[in-house]
Protein backbone atom coordinates (compact mmCIF):
# COMPACT_ATOMS: atom_id res chain seq x y z
CA MET A 1 75.09 85.62 -107.58
CA PHE A 2 74.22 87.40 -104.31
CA ARG A 3 70.78 85.67 -104.28
CA TRP A 4 70.91 85.86 -100.49
CA LEU A 5 71.22 89.68 -100.69
CA LYS A 6 68.09 89.92 -102.85
CA HIS A 7 66.36 87.53 -100.44
CA TRP A 8 67.05 89.74 -97.43
CA MET A 9 66.11 92.92 -99.33
CA ALA A 10 62.75 91.29 -100.13
CA LEU A 11 62.19 90.51 -96.45
CA GLY A 12 62.53 94.14 -95.48
CA ASN A 13 64.23 95.97 -92.65
CA SER A 14 62.17 94.23 -89.98
CA GLN A 15 64.32 91.11 -90.33
CA ARG A 16 67.60 91.02 -88.42
CA ARG A 17 70.53 91.07 -90.81
CA THR A 18 73.35 88.59 -90.25
CA ALA A 19 77.05 89.14 -90.44
CA ARG A 20 77.04 87.64 -93.91
CA ASP A 21 74.36 90.08 -95.01
CA TRP A 22 76.38 93.08 -93.82
CA TYR A 23 79.51 91.76 -95.50
CA GLY A 24 77.67 91.40 -98.74
CA TYR A 25 76.25 94.90 -98.59
CA TYR A 26 79.70 96.33 -97.77
CA ARG A 27 81.29 94.42 -100.64
CA SER A 28 78.55 95.43 -103.11
CA PRO A 29 76.75 98.48 -101.73
CA GLN A 30 74.68 98.81 -104.93
CA TYR A 31 72.53 95.97 -103.55
CA PHE A 32 71.64 98.01 -100.49
CA GLU A 33 68.58 100.22 -100.57
CA GLY A 34 69.30 103.39 -98.64
CA ASP A 35 72.39 104.90 -97.03
CA LEU A 36 74.68 102.08 -95.91
CA ALA A 37 76.69 104.27 -93.50
CA SER A 38 73.60 105.41 -91.64
CA ALA A 39 72.18 101.88 -91.57
CA VAL A 40 75.47 100.52 -90.07
CA THR A 41 75.49 103.21 -87.36
CA SER A 42 71.87 102.53 -86.55
CA ALA A 43 72.44 98.77 -86.39
CA LEU A 44 75.37 99.25 -84.01
CA ASN A 45 73.32 101.47 -81.76
CA ASP A 46 70.50 98.91 -81.73
CA ALA A 47 72.94 96.12 -80.93
CA LEU A 48 74.36 98.00 -77.99
CA GLY A 49 70.87 98.65 -76.65
CA SER A 50 69.90 101.02 -73.83
CA GLY A 51 68.22 103.36 -76.34
CA GLU A 52 71.25 105.65 -76.39
CA THR A 53 73.09 107.04 -79.40
CA HIS A 54 76.67 106.03 -78.96
CA ASP A 55 79.71 108.08 -79.91
CA PHE A 56 81.56 105.77 -82.30
CA GLU A 57 84.20 108.40 -82.90
CA ALA A 58 85.39 107.89 -79.35
CA ASP A 59 88.34 105.58 -79.19
CA PRO A 60 88.40 102.69 -78.33
CA LEU A 61 84.70 101.77 -78.67
CA LEU A 62 84.83 100.34 -82.19
CA SER A 63 88.12 98.59 -81.51
CA VAL A 64 86.70 96.99 -78.38
CA LEU A 65 83.63 95.77 -80.22
CA LEU A 66 85.75 94.29 -83.01
CA ALA A 67 88.11 92.55 -80.60
CA ALA A 68 85.80 91.45 -77.86
CA ASP A 69 82.13 91.32 -78.78
CA CYS A 70 80.85 87.73 -78.98
CA ARG A 71 78.35 88.55 -81.72
CA GLU A 72 79.60 87.98 -85.24
CA ASP A 73 77.34 90.57 -86.79
CA VAL A 74 78.47 93.27 -84.36
CA ARG A 75 82.14 92.57 -85.11
CA CYS A 76 81.34 92.88 -88.83
CA LEU A 77 79.46 96.11 -88.26
CA ALA A 78 82.41 97.55 -86.27
CA ALA A 79 84.82 96.72 -89.08
CA ILE A 80 82.51 98.23 -91.71
CA LYS A 81 82.14 101.39 -89.64
CA MET A 82 85.92 101.67 -89.42
CA GLY A 83 86.25 101.34 -93.17
CA LEU A 84 83.39 103.66 -94.08
CA ASP A 85 84.70 106.33 -91.70
CA ASN A 86 88.32 105.87 -92.74
CA ARG A 87 89.37 105.18 -89.17
CA THR A 88 93.11 104.80 -89.63
CA ASP A 89 93.43 105.03 -85.88
CA CYS A 90 91.75 101.60 -85.74
CA GLU A 91 94.16 99.96 -88.12
CA SER A 92 95.85 97.86 -85.40
CA ALA A 93 92.47 96.45 -84.30
CA LEU A 94 91.67 95.57 -87.92
CA LEU A 95 95.03 93.89 -88.39
CA ALA A 96 94.46 91.74 -85.34
CA ALA A 97 90.93 90.85 -86.55
CA LEU A 98 92.35 89.32 -89.72
CA GLN A 99 92.77 86.28 -87.40
CA ASP A 100 89.14 86.32 -86.20
CA GLU A 101 87.50 82.90 -85.81
CA SER A 102 84.78 83.89 -88.29
CA GLU A 103 85.59 83.84 -92.00
CA THR A 104 82.87 86.43 -92.60
CA VAL A 105 84.49 88.82 -90.12
CA ARG A 106 87.92 88.23 -91.64
CA ARG A 107 86.59 89.01 -95.11
CA THR A 108 84.87 92.17 -93.82
CA VAL A 109 88.05 93.28 -92.04
CA ALA A 110 90.09 92.80 -95.21
CA LEU A 111 87.67 95.07 -97.11
CA ALA A 112 87.95 97.69 -94.36
CA LEU A 113 91.76 97.60 -94.60
CA LEU A 114 91.42 98.00 -98.36
CA ALA A 115 89.29 101.11 -97.72
CA LEU A 116 91.93 102.57 -95.32
CA ASP A 117 94.52 102.18 -98.09
CA THR A 118 97.56 102.22 -95.88
CA VAL A 119 100.67 100.28 -96.92
CA ARG A 120 100.75 98.39 -93.62
CA GLY A 121 97.14 97.30 -93.93
CA LEU A 122 97.39 96.40 -97.64
CA ALA A 123 100.57 94.42 -97.00
CA ALA A 124 98.77 92.32 -94.38
CA VAL A 125 95.87 91.68 -96.82
CA VAL A 126 98.06 90.48 -99.63
CA ALA A 127 100.13 88.29 -97.27
CA GLY A 128 97.20 86.45 -95.68
CA SER A 129 95.11 83.67 -97.18
CA GLN A 130 92.16 83.44 -94.83
CA HIS A 131 90.04 86.32 -96.10
CA GLY A 132 89.38 85.59 -99.78
CA HIS A 133 91.23 85.90 -103.05
CA ALA A 134 89.71 88.91 -104.79
CA VAL A 135 90.53 91.29 -101.96
CA ARG A 136 94.20 90.21 -102.12
CA THR A 137 94.27 91.11 -105.77
CA ASP A 138 92.65 94.46 -105.09
CA ALA A 139 95.18 95.15 -102.31
CA ALA A 140 98.07 94.38 -104.65
CA ASP A 141 96.66 96.77 -107.20
CA ARG A 142 96.42 99.46 -104.50
CA LEU A 143 100.04 98.85 -103.48
CA ARG A 144 101.11 99.38 -107.06
CA GLN A 145 99.62 102.86 -106.82
CA HIS A 146 101.71 103.56 -103.74
CA GLY A 147 104.89 102.96 -105.75
CA ASN A 148 108.23 102.98 -104.01
CA SER A 149 106.62 104.02 -100.72
CA ALA A 150 105.20 100.51 -100.44
CA ALA A 151 108.52 98.79 -99.70
CA GLU A 152 107.08 97.48 -96.44
CA ALA A 153 104.78 95.27 -98.48
CA ILE A 154 107.50 93.44 -100.41
CA SER A 155 107.42 90.28 -98.27
CA GLY A 156 103.64 90.20 -98.40
CA LEU A 157 103.64 90.49 -102.18
CA VAL A 158 106.21 87.66 -102.45
CA CYS A 159 103.88 85.56 -100.25
CA LEU A 160 101.08 86.23 -102.72
CA LEU A 161 103.32 85.14 -105.63
CA ARG A 162 104.19 81.96 -103.81
CA TYR A 163 100.56 81.16 -103.08
CA ARG A 164 99.58 78.76 -105.83
CA ASP A 165 95.89 78.27 -104.96
CA ILE A 166 94.85 81.52 -106.61
CA ASN A 167 94.31 82.75 -110.16
CA TRP A 168 96.86 84.40 -112.46
CA ARG A 169 95.33 87.83 -112.03
CA SER A 170 96.46 87.93 -108.41
CA HIS A 171 99.98 86.89 -109.32
CA MET A 172 100.04 89.47 -112.09
CA ALA A 173 98.94 92.15 -109.66
CA ALA A 174 101.66 91.15 -107.18
CA ALA A 175 104.35 91.25 -109.90
CA ARG A 176 103.29 94.68 -111.11
CA ALA A 177 103.19 96.01 -107.54
CA LEU A 178 106.77 94.80 -106.97
CA ALA A 179 107.86 96.40 -110.22
CA ALA A 180 106.26 99.71 -109.09
CA ILE A 181 108.10 99.57 -105.75
CA GLY A 182 111.34 99.55 -107.69
CA GLU A 183 114.86 99.29 -106.24
CA SER A 184 113.78 97.97 -102.87
CA ALA A 185 112.07 95.01 -104.49
CA LEU A 186 114.99 94.17 -106.79
CA PRO A 187 116.83 91.74 -104.46
CA SER A 188 113.64 89.73 -103.82
CA LEU A 189 112.80 89.59 -107.52
CA LEU A 190 116.35 88.48 -108.43
CA ARG A 191 116.12 85.65 -105.86
CA LEU A 192 112.87 84.51 -107.39
CA PHE A 193 114.20 84.78 -110.90
CA GLY A 194 117.28 82.82 -109.95
CA GLY A 195 115.30 80.01 -108.35
CA ASP A 196 114.10 76.77 -109.83
CA GLU A 197 110.35 77.30 -109.70
CA PRO A 198 109.10 78.17 -113.24
CA HIS A 199 105.99 79.88 -111.89
CA LEU A 200 108.06 82.29 -109.76
CA ARG A 201 110.70 82.78 -112.44
CA TYR A 202 108.01 83.88 -114.88
CA TYR A 203 106.45 86.52 -112.67
CA ALA A 204 109.81 87.71 -111.50
CA ALA A 205 110.87 88.07 -115.13
CA MET A 206 107.74 90.06 -115.82
CA ALA A 207 108.43 92.45 -112.99
CA LEU A 208 112.11 92.83 -113.89
CA LYS A 209 111.20 93.51 -117.50
CA GLU A 210 108.79 96.23 -116.44
CA MET A 211 111.33 97.78 -114.03
CA ASN A 212 114.03 97.84 -116.74
CA LYS A 213 116.82 98.12 -114.12
CA THR A 214 118.75 94.98 -115.05
CA PRO A 215 119.92 95.40 -118.67
CA GLU A 216 122.50 92.68 -118.22
CA LEU A 217 119.66 90.16 -117.71
CA LEU A 218 117.47 91.36 -120.54
CA THR A 219 118.23 88.41 -122.86
CA THR A 220 117.63 85.89 -120.06
CA ILE A 221 114.44 87.64 -119.04
CA ASP A 222 113.08 87.62 -122.60
CA GLU A 223 113.93 83.96 -122.94
CA GLU A 224 112.07 83.14 -119.73
CA LEU A 225 108.98 85.09 -120.83
CA ALA A 226 109.07 83.37 -124.25
CA ARG A 227 109.29 79.93 -122.61
CA HIS A 228 106.20 80.66 -120.60
CA GLN A 229 104.25 81.98 -123.57
CA ASN A 230 105.20 78.86 -125.56
CA GLY A 231 103.93 76.66 -122.75
CA GLU A 232 107.31 75.20 -121.96
């Protein structure tokens, strides 16, 4: 795993790092020798040329780079810089870049939105399917921590539950986040529980059980959970 990271580390800093390299370092900074934040800033300055030190705090420089620069590595670096610096003012640019033509950029952007930890950004990450699976699970876990203030993310979490091409951990995280949101998520969970898809009924039952706000359905909920555990 991450053999390509070790490969580039062995080559040394004289070799130009690709977008994929920067994404890997951002995802797993323990593989980077040195200060990642300083390296990202330095790489951005080098990419922009002219020998000047640019003010990346000045809006909209990073947003412009992410949206308009033709170089994949520069777009990745801009997204990483936003995440490392907690640039919540760049959230809209990051949300738009979830549709970037490059999968590596999309994955990097999703990680940056995870770092910003806003409900709006996390909701977009859990709802999308073009930026990797693990980050969607992590975003759902973060939304759970936001509790009832994450109501904006309900539709995104339901999208994650409906997405079958992902592992059970992601669905579990989505169900638990919906349970943590509470009352606002109840109508959506009841619709799923009342539907005819066993997969959705099970996770809805799990969330409703955890919420403990529908005592009239407790027997039905327990029966649904038992059916799933028995492999029915």
